[in-house]
Amino acid sequence: QLRKVEEVYQYSIAAFLGRVDAAVLGVQSRRDDDGDASGGNNNKDDRDGGDATAQRKRTDGGSTSDGTGGQASDGAAAATDTALLQQQVRTLVTAVTDGVLEYVAAGVFSRHRLSLV
């Protein structure tokens, strides 16, 4: 019975982590499109012609490569954030699952012990 419970939880965890990965990858692809990791403000920046910092550099006479470099580094930061988020979520789910399995196991064994008495 405990093995069955564990199999169900493992399947549920795998499905949950798959959804988390898909959601995180969706965020990553939106960040890649915007070229900036700052989140919701990107849309306004994009309508202005790109990242606000890059646009300001171009307006001041800076080269386009300066702006591109800034966006590339933002993209790398977003990728690092994504990997960190995935790691944190996996750690949290594993900890919660271990706690639930210990609780279920304790309940199953205590009931079994009572039935033997």
Protein backbone atom coordinates (compact mmCIF):
# COMPACT_ATOMS: atom_id res chain seq x y z
CA GLN A 1 0.00 0.00 0.00
CA LEU A 2 2.83 2.38 0.86
CA ARG A 3 4.57 1.56 -2.44
CA LYS A 4 1.36 2.44 -4.33
CA VAL A 5 1.15 5.80 -2.52
CA GLU A 6 4.80 6.49 -3.33
CA GLU A 7 4.26 5.67 -7.03
CA VAL A 8 1.30 8.05 -7.21
CA TYR A 9 3.31 10.83 -5.57
CA GLN A 10 6.29 10.27 -7.85
CA TYR A 11 4.04 10.47 -10.91
CA SER A 12 2.40 13.65 -9.57
CA ILE A 13 5.78 15.24 -8.86
CA ALA A 14 7.04 14.42 -12.35
CA ALA A 15 3.92 15.97 -13.90
CA PHE A 16 4.19 19.05 -11.67
CA LEU A 17 7.88 19.58 -12.47
CA GLY A 18 7.09 19.22 -16.16
CA ARG A 19 4.55 22.03 -15.87
CA VAL A 20 7.04 24.15 -13.89
CA ASP A 21 9.72 23.61 -16.54
CA ALA A 22 7.27 24.56 -19.29
CA ALA A 23 6.21 27.70 -17.43
CA VAL A 24 9.79 28.72 -16.71
CA LEU A 25 10.82 28.09 -20.32
CA GLY A 26 7.86 30.21 -21.43
CA VAL A 27 9.10 33.08 -19.26
CA GLN A 28 12.60 32.56 -20.65
CA SER A 29 11.37 32.75 -24.25
CA ARG A 30 9.50 35.97 -23.52
CA ARG A 31 12.65 37.40 -21.96
CA ASP A 32 14.69 36.34 -25.00
CA ASP A 33 12.20 38.09 -27.29
CA ASP A 34 12.45 41.29 -25.29
CA GLY A 35 16.21 41.04 -24.84
CA ASP A 36 15.81 42.30 -21.30
CA ALA A 37 15.27 40.49 -18.00
CA SER A 38 13.41 43.26 -16.20
CA GLY A 39 9.94 41.79 -16.69
CA GLY A 40 6.72 43.68 -17.44
CA ASN A 41 8.36 47.00 -18.26
CA ASN A 42 9.85 45.49 -21.40
CA ASN A 43 6.75 46.13 -23.47
CA LYS A 44 6.94 49.87 -22.97
CA ASP A 45 10.69 49.80 -23.68
CA ASP A 46 10.13 47.80 -26.86
CA ARG A 47 7.60 50.31 -28.18
CA ASP A 48 10.24 52.98 -27.64
CA GLY A 49 12.60 51.09 -29.91
CA GLY A 50 14.31 48.65 -27.58
CA ASP A 51 15.73 48.48 -24.11
CA ALA A 52 15.65 51.89 -22.40
CA THR A 53 19.36 51.81 -21.56
CA ALA A 54 20.34 50.87 -25.10
CA GLN A 55 18.02 53.53 -26.50
CA ARG A 56 19.56 56.18 -24.28
CA LYS A 57 23.05 55.15 -25.42
CA ARG A 58 22.02 55.39 -29.05
CA THR A 59 20.43 58.78 -28.51
CA ASP A 60 23.60 60.05 -26.87
CA GLY A 61 25.65 58.94 -29.85
CA GLY A 62 26.76 55.55 -28.53
CA SER A 63 27.18 52.69 -30.98
CA THR A 64 24.44 50.15 -31.62
CA SER A 65 26.83 47.43 -30.46
CA ASP A 66 26.75 48.94 -26.95
CA GLY A 67 22.99 48.43 -26.79
CA THR A 68 23.23 44.94 -28.26
CA GLY A 69 25.89 43.99 -25.73
CA GLY A 70 23.68 45.20 -22.92
CA GLN A 71 20.77 43.15 -24.16
CA ALA A 72 22.93 40.06 -24.59
CA SER A 73 24.17 40.28 -21.01
CA ASP A 74 20.57 40.75 -19.80
CA GLY A 75 19.64 37.57 -21.65
CA ALA A 76 22.46 35.67 -19.95
CA ALA A 77 21.28 36.97 -16.57
CA ALA A 78 17.76 35.79 -17.38
CA ALA A 79 19.06 32.32 -18.24
CA THR A 80 20.92 32.19 -14.91
CA ASP A 81 17.76 33.31 -13.08
CA THR A 82 15.79 30.59 -14.85
CA ALA A 83 18.22 27.83 -13.88
CA LEU A 84 18.23 29.05 -10.27
CA LEU A 85 14.42 29.13 -10.18
CA GLN A 86 14.18 25.59 -11.54
CA GLN A 87 16.67 24.35 -8.93
CA GLN A 88 14.80 26.07 -6.09
CA VAL A 89 11.43 24.68 -7.19
CA ARG A 90 12.82 21.15 -7.49
CA THR A 91 14.38 21.40 -4.02
CA LEU A 92 11.10 22.65 -2.53
CA VAL A 93 8.99 19.96 -4.19
CA THR A 94 11.41 17.23 -3.09
CA ALA A 95 11.35 18.46 0.51
CA VAL A 96 7.54 18.66 0.59
CA THR A 97 7.20 15.22 -0.99
CA ASP A 98 9.60 13.64 1.48
CA GLY A 99 7.59 15.14 4.33
CA VAL A 100 4.29 13.87 2.90
CA LEU A 101 5.68 10.37 2.35
CA GLU A 102 7.02 10.25 5.90
CA TYR A 103 3.62 11.33 7.21
CA VAL A 104 1.77 8.74 5.12
CA ALA A 105 4.25 6.02 6.07
CA ALA A 106 3.88 6.84 9.77
CA GLY A 107 0.09 6.66 9.45
CA VAL A 108 0.13 3.36 7.55
CA PHE A 109 2.53 1.72 9.98
CA SER A 110 0.71 2.95 13.09
CA ARG A 111 -2.61 1.59 11.77
CA HIS A 112 -0.95 -1.69 10.88
CA ARG A 113 0.57 -1.95 14.37
CA LEU A 114 -2.83 -1.22 15.96
CA SER A 115 -4.49 -3.93 13.88
CA LEU A 116 -1.94 -6.47 15.13
CA VAL A 117 -2.63 -5.66 18.77
